[in-house]
Protein backbone atom coordinates (compact mmCIF):
# COMPACT_ATOMS: atom_id res chain seq x y z
CA MET A 1 23.54 6.88 -36.05
CA ALA A 2 25.25 6.04 -32.78
CA ASP A 3 28.07 3.55 -32.79
CA PRO A 4 26.37 0.15 -32.24
CA ASP A 5 29.49 -1.37 -30.75
CA SER A 6 29.77 1.16 -27.93
CA THR A 7 29.20 -0.12 -24.41
CA THR A 8 27.28 2.91 -23.22
CA VAL A 9 24.05 4.46 -24.33
CA SER A 10 23.52 8.20 -24.24
CA ASN A 11 20.99 9.44 -21.72
CA THR A 12 19.86 12.15 -24.13
CA PRO A 13 16.76 11.68 -26.31
CA VAL A 14 19.02 11.88 -29.40
CA GLY A 15 21.02 8.89 -28.20
CA ILE A 16 17.85 6.88 -27.60
CA VAL A 17 16.51 7.75 -31.05
CA ASP A 18 19.80 6.65 -32.63
CA ARG A 19 19.52 3.29 -30.89
CA LEU A 20 15.94 2.82 -32.09
CA VAL A 21 16.78 3.82 -35.66
CA GLY A 22 19.74 1.45 -35.60
CA PHE A 23 17.41 -1.36 -34.61
CA GLY A 24 15.28 -0.65 -37.68
CA HIS A 25 18.39 -0.82 -39.85
CA ALA A 26 19.36 -4.13 -38.26
CA LEU A 27 15.94 -5.59 -39.08
CA ARG A 28 16.27 -4.39 -42.66
CA GLU A 29 19.67 -6.11 -42.96
CA HIS A 30 18.01 -9.38 -41.98
CA GLY A 31 15.41 -9.18 -44.71
CA LEU A 32 12.44 -7.53 -42.98
CA PRO A 33 10.65 -4.87 -45.08
CA VAL A 34 11.11 -1.96 -42.66
CA GLY A 35 10.66 1.48 -44.18
CA SER A 36 11.44 4.95 -42.90
CA ASP A 37 7.80 5.56 -41.98
CA ASP A 38 7.79 2.37 -39.93
CA VAL A 39 10.88 3.51 -38.01
CA LEU A 40 9.32 6.92 -37.29
CA THR A 41 6.15 5.23 -36.01
CA PHE A 42 8.28 2.91 -33.88
CA CYS A 43 10.14 5.84 -32.30
CA ALA A 44 6.89 7.72 -31.62
CA ALA A 45 5.27 4.65 -30.03
CA THR A 46 8.30 4.00 -27.81
CA ALA A 47 8.35 7.64 -26.68
CA GLU A 48 4.74 7.29 -25.47
CA LEU A 49 5.75 4.33 -23.31
CA SER A 50 9.20 3.94 -21.72
CA PRO A 51 12.34 3.95 -23.90
CA GLY A 52 14.29 2.47 -20.99
CA ASP A 53 12.05 -0.58 -20.67
CA PRO A 54 12.97 -3.48 -23.01
CA ASN A 55 9.45 -4.88 -22.67
CA ASP A 56 7.92 -1.62 -23.93
CA VAL A 57 10.51 -1.35 -26.70
CA TYR A 58 9.84 -4.95 -27.76
CA TRP A 59 6.08 -4.54 -28.08
CA SER A 60 6.39 -1.14 -29.72
CA GLY A 61 8.61 -2.62 -32.40
CA ARG A 62 6.54 -5.75 -32.77
CA THR A 63 3.37 -3.75 -33.48
CA THR A 64 4.97 -1.19 -35.80
CA LEU A 65 7.84 -2.97 -37.56
CA VAL A 66 6.44 -6.47 -38.10
CA HIS A 67 3.78 -6.84 -40.79
CA ARG A 68 3.63 -10.62 -41.21
CA ARG A 69 3.44 -13.42 -38.68
CA ASP A 70 6.28 -15.38 -40.30
CA HIS A 71 8.58 -12.40 -39.63
CA LEU A 72 8.22 -12.79 -35.86
CA PRO A 73 11.08 -15.31 -35.39
CA VAL A 74 13.46 -13.00 -37.25
CA TYR A 75 12.31 -10.01 -35.21
CA ASP A 76 12.77 -11.86 -31.92
CA GLU A 77 16.29 -13.01 -32.78
CA VAL A 78 17.40 -9.56 -33.95
CA PHE A 79 15.89 -7.92 -30.85
CA ARG A 80 17.70 -10.25 -28.47
CA THR A 81 20.97 -9.78 -30.32
CA TYR A 82 20.76 -6.02 -30.78
CA PHE A 83 19.45 -4.93 -27.38
CA LEU A 84 20.33 -7.77 -25.01
CA ASN A 85 23.69 -8.92 -26.37
CA LEU A 86 22.49 -12.51 -26.65
CA PRO A 87 24.13 -14.61 -29.40
CA MET A 88 21.97 -15.79 -32.27
CA PRO A 89 21.60 -19.60 -32.55
CA PRO A 90 23.98 -20.98 -35.19
CA ASP A 91 21.21 -23.07 -36.76
CA SER A 92 19.01 -20.03 -37.28
CA PRO A 93 18.20 -19.51 -40.98
CA THR A 94 18.58 -15.78 -40.47
CA ALA A 95 21.93 -15.92 -38.66
CA PRO A 96 24.25 -13.29 -40.12
CA GLU A 97 27.73 -14.03 -41.35
CA ARG A 98 29.10 -10.97 -39.54
CA PRO A 99 28.38 -9.65 -36.03
CA VAL A 100 25.15 -7.75 -35.59
CA PRO A 101 25.27 -4.38 -33.74
CA GLN A 102 24.89 -5.13 -30.06
CA GLY A 103 23.48 -3.08 -27.19
CA ASN A 104 23.96 -3.27 -23.45
CA THR A 105 23.32 -6.41 -21.51
CA GLY A 106 20.05 -7.08 -19.73
CA THR A 107 17.37 -9.70 -19.19
CA LEU A 108 14.08 -10.05 -20.96
CA ASP A 109 11.74 -13.00 -21.40
CA VAL A 110 9.58 -12.42 -24.46
CA PRO A 111 6.08 -13.81 -23.80
CA ASP A 112 4.32 -15.98 -26.34
CA SER A 113 1.05 -14.07 -26.05
CA GLU A 114 0.01 -10.50 -26.61
CA PRO A 115 0.11 -7.98 -23.73
CA GLY A 116 -2.73 -8.54 -21.29
CA ASP A 117 -2.94 -12.31 -21.84
CA GLU A 118 -0.49 -13.20 -19.08
CA GLN A 119 -1.69 -15.48 -16.33
CA GLY A 120 -0.71 -14.85 -12.73
CA ASP A 121 1.81 -12.54 -11.15
CA ASP A 122 4.97 -14.58 -11.85
CA GLN A 123 6.10 -12.37 -14.71
CA PRO A 124 9.79 -11.98 -15.59
CA LEU A 125 11.57 -8.93 -14.29
CA VAL A 126 11.87 -6.14 -16.82
CA LEU A 127 15.08 -4.14 -16.70
CA GLY A 128 16.08 -0.93 -18.43
CA LEU A 129 18.33 -0.87 -21.48
CA GLN A 130 21.24 0.39 -19.38
CA ALA A 131 20.66 -1.88 -16.38
CA SER A 132 22.60 -5.02 -15.60
CA SER A 133 21.03 -8.37 -14.85
CA ILE A 134 19.43 -8.19 -11.38
CA GLU A 135 17.39 -10.95 -9.78
CA ILE A 136 14.50 -9.61 -7.75
CA GLU A 137 13.26 -11.70 -4.84
CA ARG A 138 9.68 -10.94 -3.86
CA GLU A 139 10.33 -12.00 -0.27
CA LYS A 140 13.48 -9.93 0.18
CA ARG A 141 13.04 -7.18 2.75
CA PHE A 142 13.11 -3.63 1.42
CA ALA A 143 15.81 -2.74 3.94
CA ALA A 144 18.12 -5.41 2.45
CA CYS A 145 17.62 -4.37 -1.20
CA SER A 146 20.19 -2.41 -3.14
CA PRO A 147 19.23 0.93 -4.74
CA GLU A 148 19.00 -0.77 -8.15
CA GLU A 149 16.71 -3.47 -6.77
CA LEU A 150 14.50 -0.86 -5.09
CA ILE A 151 14.06 0.92 -8.43
CA GLN A 152 12.94 -2.32 -10.07
CA LEU A 153 10.62 -3.14 -7.15
CA ARG A 154 8.89 0.23 -7.46
CA ARG A 155 8.38 -0.36 -11.16
CA ILE A 156 6.78 -3.72 -10.38
CA MET A 157 4.58 -2.16 -7.68
CA ALA A 158 3.34 0.39 -10.20
CA ARG A 159 1.98 -2.51 -12.28
CA ILE A 160 0.21 -4.37 -9.47
CA ARG A 161 -3.48 -4.66 -10.26
CA LEU A 162 -5.21 -3.09 -7.30
CA GLU A 163 -8.91 -3.25 -6.51
CA PRO A 164 -10.35 -1.11 -3.69
CA PRO A 165 -12.63 -2.62 -1.02
CA ARG A 166 -16.32 -2.77 -1.80
CA ARG A 167 -19.47 -2.77 0.28
CA ARG A 168 -22.98 -4.07 -0.31
CA THR A 169 -25.73 -1.45 -0.41
CA ARG A 170 -29.44 -1.74 0.30
CA ARG A 171 -30.37 -1.23 -3.34
CA GLN A 172 -31.28 -4.30 -5.36
CA THR A 173 -30.14 -5.25 -8.85
CA HIS A 174 -30.95 -8.00 -11.30
CA CYS A 175 -28.54 -10.91 -11.01
CA ARG A 176 -28.72 -14.38 -12.58
CA THR A 177 -27.17 -16.05 -9.53
CA GLY A 178 -28.72 -13.80 -6.88
CA PRO A 179 -29.83 -15.32 -3.57
CA ARG A 180 -33.40 -13.90 -3.76
CA ILE A 181 -36.19 -14.28 -6.31
CA ASP A 182 -37.55 -11.11 -7.91
CA ILE A 183 -41.25 -11.66 -7.19
CA ARG A 184 -42.38 -8.30 -8.61
CA ARG A 185 -40.71 -8.80 -11.97
CA MET A 186 -42.01 -12.34 -12.26
CA ALA A 187 -45.55 -11.11 -11.44
CA ARG A 188 -45.34 -8.48 -14.19
CA ASP A 189 -44.18 -11.11 -16.66
CA ALA A 190 -47.02 -13.41 -15.63
CA MET A 191 -49.63 -10.70 -16.25
CA ARG A 192 -48.12 -9.89 -19.65
CA LEU A 193 -47.81 -13.55 -20.71
CA SER A 194 -51.32 -14.99 -20.46
CA ASP A 195 -50.46 -18.46 -21.75
CA GLY A 196 -46.75 -18.73 -20.91
CA THR A 197 -44.59 -19.45 -17.93
CA PRO A 198 -42.61 -16.45 -16.67
CA GLU A 199 -38.84 -16.69 -16.53
CA LEU A 200 -37.22 -17.06 -13.15
CA HIS A 201 -35.58 -13.77 -12.13
CA ARG A 202 -33.21 -13.25 -9.22
CA ILE A 203 -31.92 -10.18 -7.44
CA ASP A 204 -28.96 -9.30 -5.28
CA ARG A 205 -27.73 -6.24 -3.42
CA LYS A 206 -25.62 -3.74 -5.36
CA GLU A 207 -21.97 -3.23 -4.52
CA ARG A 208 -20.23 0.12 -4.30
CA THR A 209 -16.64 1.11 -3.70
CA ARG A 210 -15.89 1.67 -0.04
CA PRO A 211 -13.72 4.70 0.81
CA LEU A 212 -10.10 3.90 1.55
CA VAL A 213 -7.83 6.05 3.72
CA LEU A 214 -4.07 5.46 3.82
CA LEU A 215 -2.02 6.95 6.67
CA LEU A 216 1.70 6.56 5.93
CA ASP A 217 4.43 6.97 8.55
CA VAL A 218 7.38 8.81 6.96
CA SER A 219 9.47 9.26 10.11
CA GLY A 220 13.14 8.35 10.37
CA SER A 221 12.47 4.84 11.67
CA MET A 222 10.44 4.09 8.52
CA ALA A 223 13.11 5.36 6.10
CA ASP A 224 13.63 1.90 4.56
CA HIS A 225 9.94 1.49 3.79
CA SER A 226 8.27 4.90 3.46
CA ARG A 227 9.01 5.53 -0.23
CA ASN A 228 7.97 2.00 -1.22
CA LEU A 229 4.71 2.37 0.69
CA LEU A 230 4.20 5.76 -0.96
CA GLN A 231 4.61 4.09 -4.37
CA PHE A 232 2.01 1.52 -3.29
CA ALA A 233 -0.34 4.34 -2.24
CA TYR A 234 0.17 6.01 -5.64
CA SER A 235 -0.88 2.80 -7.40
CA MET A 236 -3.94 2.55 -5.17
CA ARG A 237 -4.86 6.17 -5.88
CA ARG A 238 -4.62 5.48 -9.61
CA ALA A 239 -6.92 2.46 -9.24
CA ALA A 240 -9.83 4.26 -7.55
CA GLN A 241 -10.98 7.79 -6.83
CA LYS A 242 -12.28 7.14 -3.31
CA VAL A 243 -8.75 6.92 -1.92
CA GLU A 244 -7.29 9.50 0.47
CA VAL A 245 -3.57 9.47 1.32
CA PHE A 246 -1.92 11.20 4.30
CA CYS A 247 1.67 11.23 5.53
CA PHE A 248 2.69 11.82 9.11
CA GLY A 249 5.80 12.06 11.24
CA THR A 250 5.43 14.79 13.81
CA ARG A 251 2.53 16.35 11.89
CA LEU A 252 -0.15 15.23 9.46
CA THR A 253 -0.01 16.20 5.76
CA ARG A 254 -2.60 15.42 3.11
CA ILE A 255 -0.97 14.43 -0.22
CA THR A 256 -3.97 13.10 -2.15
CA GLY A 257 -3.79 15.85 -4.75
CA ALA A 258 -0.06 15.35 -5.29
CA LEU A 259 -0.60 11.69 -6.24
CA ASP A 260 -2.99 12.59 -9.06
CA ARG A 261 -0.06 13.19 -11.41
CA ARG A 262 0.21 10.81 -14.34
CA ASN A 263 3.98 10.45 -14.04
CA PRO A 264 4.85 8.52 -10.85
CA ASP A 265 8.20 10.29 -10.43
CA ASP A 266 6.50 13.69 -10.57
CA ALA A 267 3.91 12.51 -8.04
CA MET A 268 6.57 11.20 -5.66
CA SER A 269 8.59 14.42 -5.90
CA LEU A 270 5.57 16.66 -5.31
CA ALA A 271 4.37 14.56 -2.38
CA ALA A 272 7.84 14.61 -0.78
CA ALA A 273 7.98 18.40 -1.21
CA ARG A 274 4.69 18.83 0.65
CA VAL A 275 5.78 16.70 3.62
CA LEU A 276 7.97 18.93 5.76
CA ASP A 277 8.79 16.36 8.46
CA TRP A 278 10.09 13.56 6.24
CA ASP A 279 12.62 11.32 8.08
CA GLY A 280 11.97 13.20 11.32
CA GLY A 281 10.41 12.22 14.63
CA THR A 282 7.24 10.22 15.24
CA ARG A 283 4.05 11.36 16.97
CA ILE A 284 1.43 8.84 15.91
CA GLY A 285 -1.15 9.79 18.53
CA ALA A 286 -1.05 13.51 17.74
CA SER A 287 -1.23 12.83 14.00
CA LEU A 288 -4.22 10.50 14.31
CA ASP A 289 -5.94 12.95 16.64
CA HIS A 290 -5.45 15.69 14.05
CA PHE A 291 -6.89 13.43 11.36
CA VAL A 292 -9.96 12.58 13.44
CA ARG A 293 -10.68 16.18 14.38
CA LYS A 294 -10.07 17.80 10.98
CA TRP A 295 -10.98 15.06 8.51
CA GLY A 296 -12.56 12.05 10.19
CA ARG A 297 -15.47 13.82 11.82
CA ARG A 298 -16.27 15.60 8.56
CA GLY A 299 -17.07 12.28 6.95
CA LEU A 300 -13.79 11.35 5.30
CA SER A 301 -13.38 8.21 7.39
CA ARG A 302 -17.05 7.44 7.90
CA GLY A 303 -17.60 3.87 6.76
CA ALA A 304 -14.08 3.76 5.28
CA THR A 305 -11.34 1.17 5.45
CA VAL A 306 -8.40 2.87 7.17
CA VAL A 307 -4.89 1.50 6.58
CA ILE A 308 -2.17 2.77 8.94
CA CYS A 309 1.36 2.02 7.75
CA SER A 310 3.73 2.46 10.69
CA ASP A 311 6.23 0.55 12.81
CA GLY A 312 4.54 1.77 16.00
CA LEU A 313 7.66 3.47 17.38
CA ASP A 314 5.86 6.45 18.89
CA ARG A 315 7.49 9.18 20.99
CA GLY A 316 4.22 10.83 21.90
CA ASP A 317 1.71 10.27 24.67
CA PRO A 318 0.34 6.67 24.48
CA ARG A 319 -2.93 7.81 26.09
CA LEU A 320 -3.50 10.20 23.18
CA LEU A 321 -2.85 7.36 20.72
CA THR A 322 -5.34 5.11 22.50
CA ASP A 323 -7.97 7.84 22.57
CA SER A 324 -7.44 8.65 18.87
CA MET A 325 -7.66 4.99 17.85
CA GLU A 326 -10.88 4.59 19.82
CA LYS A 327 -12.47 7.56 18.05
CA LEU A 328 -11.21 6.37 14.66
CA SER A 329 -12.61 2.88 15.22
CA ARG A 330 -16.06 4.32 15.86
CA LEU A 331 -15.97 6.41 12.68
CA SER A 332 -14.44 3.89 10.28
CA HIS A 333 -15.61 0.51 9.10
CA ARG A 334 -12.30 -1.30 9.58
CA ILE A 335 -8.76 -0.45 10.70
CA ILE A 336 -5.82 -2.31 9.16
CA TRP A 337 -2.37 -1.72 10.62
CA MET A 338 0.55 -2.47 8.29
CA ASN A 339 3.78 -2.89 10.27
CA PRO A 340 6.99 -3.67 8.30
CA LEU A 341 8.78 -4.80 11.48
CA ILE A 342 6.62 -7.87 11.89
CA GLY A 343 8.10 -9.93 9.05
CA ASN A 344 6.52 -12.98 7.45
CA ASP A 345 3.45 -14.94 8.48
CA VAL A 346 1.57 -11.86 9.63
CA ASP A 347 -1.51 -11.69 7.44
CA ALA A 348 -3.99 -12.69 10.12
CA PRO A 349 -6.35 -11.09 12.64
CA PRO A 350 -4.43 -9.55 15.56
CA ASP A 351 -6.11 -11.82 18.11
CA THR A 352 -4.34 -14.83 16.53
CA LEU A 353 -0.99 -13.12 16.27
CA GLY A 354 1.42 -11.73 18.82
CA MET A 355 1.38 -7.94 18.76
CA PRO A 356 4.81 -6.33 18.15
CA ASN A 357 6.38 -5.23 21.40
CA THR A 358 6.37 -1.47 20.79
CA LEU A 359 4.59 1.14 22.88
CA GLY A 360 2.55 2.42 19.96
CA MET A 361 1.35 -1.02 18.90
CA LEU A 362 0.42 -1.96 22.46
CA ALA A 363 -1.64 1.21 22.81
CA ALA A 364 -3.40 0.80 19.43
CA GLY A 365 -3.75 -3.00 19.56
CA PRO A 366 -7.31 -3.25 20.98
CA TYR A 367 -8.70 -1.19 18.08
CA ILE A 368 -6.93 -2.92 15.18
CA ASP A 369 -9.15 -5.20 13.11
CA GLU A 370 -6.41 -6.70 10.99
CA LEU A 371 -2.63 -6.78 11.12
CA ALA A 372 -0.55 -6.92 7.94
CA SER A 373 3.05 -6.45 6.88
CA GLY A 374 4.66 -4.32 4.20
CA HIS A 375 8.30 -5.33 4.51
CA ASP A 376 8.65 -6.87 1.03
CA LEU A 377 6.96 -7.09 -2.35
CA ALA A 378 5.27 -10.41 -1.59
CA SER A 379 3.50 -9.02 1.49
CA LEU A 380 2.20 -6.04 -0.52
CA GLU A 381 0.91 -8.37 -3.23
CA ARG A 382 -0.90 -10.49 -0.64
CA PHE A 383 -2.38 -7.37 0.88
CA ALA A 384 -3.57 -6.12 -2.52
CA ALA A 385 -5.22 -9.48 -3.24
CA ARG A 386 -7.03 -9.47 0.10
CA LEU A 387 -8.04 -5.80 0.07
CA PRO A 388 -11.27 -6.17 -2.01
CA THR A 389 -12.76 -8.37 0.73
CA ALA A 390 -11.84 -5.89 3.48
CA GLY A 391 -14.91 -3.78 2.72
CA GLY A 392 -17.31 -6.20 4.33
């Protein structure tokens, strides 16, 4: 077993297994009936999740190593002491007389409920076993975040519950609170019930998922935001199948298939490998024109909600951008432009908000239905909450 007093944890799978096995030994020293089979199950369950995530390690151990409810306080104290280097309260009945093996420092708030019972989005930040304590501010701009903070922000974005926009169809469905009365069904019930009163039935129009198209600017001017927006697009792609993702700088590249990977790191790497003009120049008009001619007119954008993520710093012909936006507005249901340069207080229709003073935004402004920002985590969360109603 690895030395529990060491200040570093091996990055190899063997080092992680030693740490997990040592945790089982620590629980056994504090009186919990933890057997070898329980430790093997604990290691297998942690491997299926994320060994570097204390939250995953906590719940893996809680479901495999704890067999009685009255053992939970002991488990919580040993976990905090072993993994998070937090001292055990002196008045604890299970406090050891000698130091307990300690891991690296970190932060973890153990919830009182089971996973899935949390209310709201204000969940504590989860850090890896080898990470130091980092406070994440949801309203801190991506450009001002450190590399460690960006890693934690992307992990949080991967857990945002996303719901695609929906549209109402012409088909009817039975609904208890529908706005219309189902006369036909009530008539059939009346003919079948000769001496009874038929039940009141209501109907409403069915809803279906509206197609969503994401066009991400990966040029050099968007370097501080492009990977975070790509992570957001990956989460959206995982939430619904009717999601198409494109990247553009000087050319347009479809990366929808690359984002179908289960591992987000593999998806990001494959998508970046397919985009040949990453961190290059910007030709928004030519890229949108290519999308309209090759994909939009074939039905990909017909009736879809199109989200363009760009700062509007275009080096191409503004007349081509205006013409492309006009064609795209006729094909799509709604165009949302996400501009990280706007800042806060931007989630409003463009007619009530000053358009950013860039050539690209001025050319595309008349055809934008909604203006949003993607400069921090809070703006992306607000956008995700408002997206289901963008289908109309």
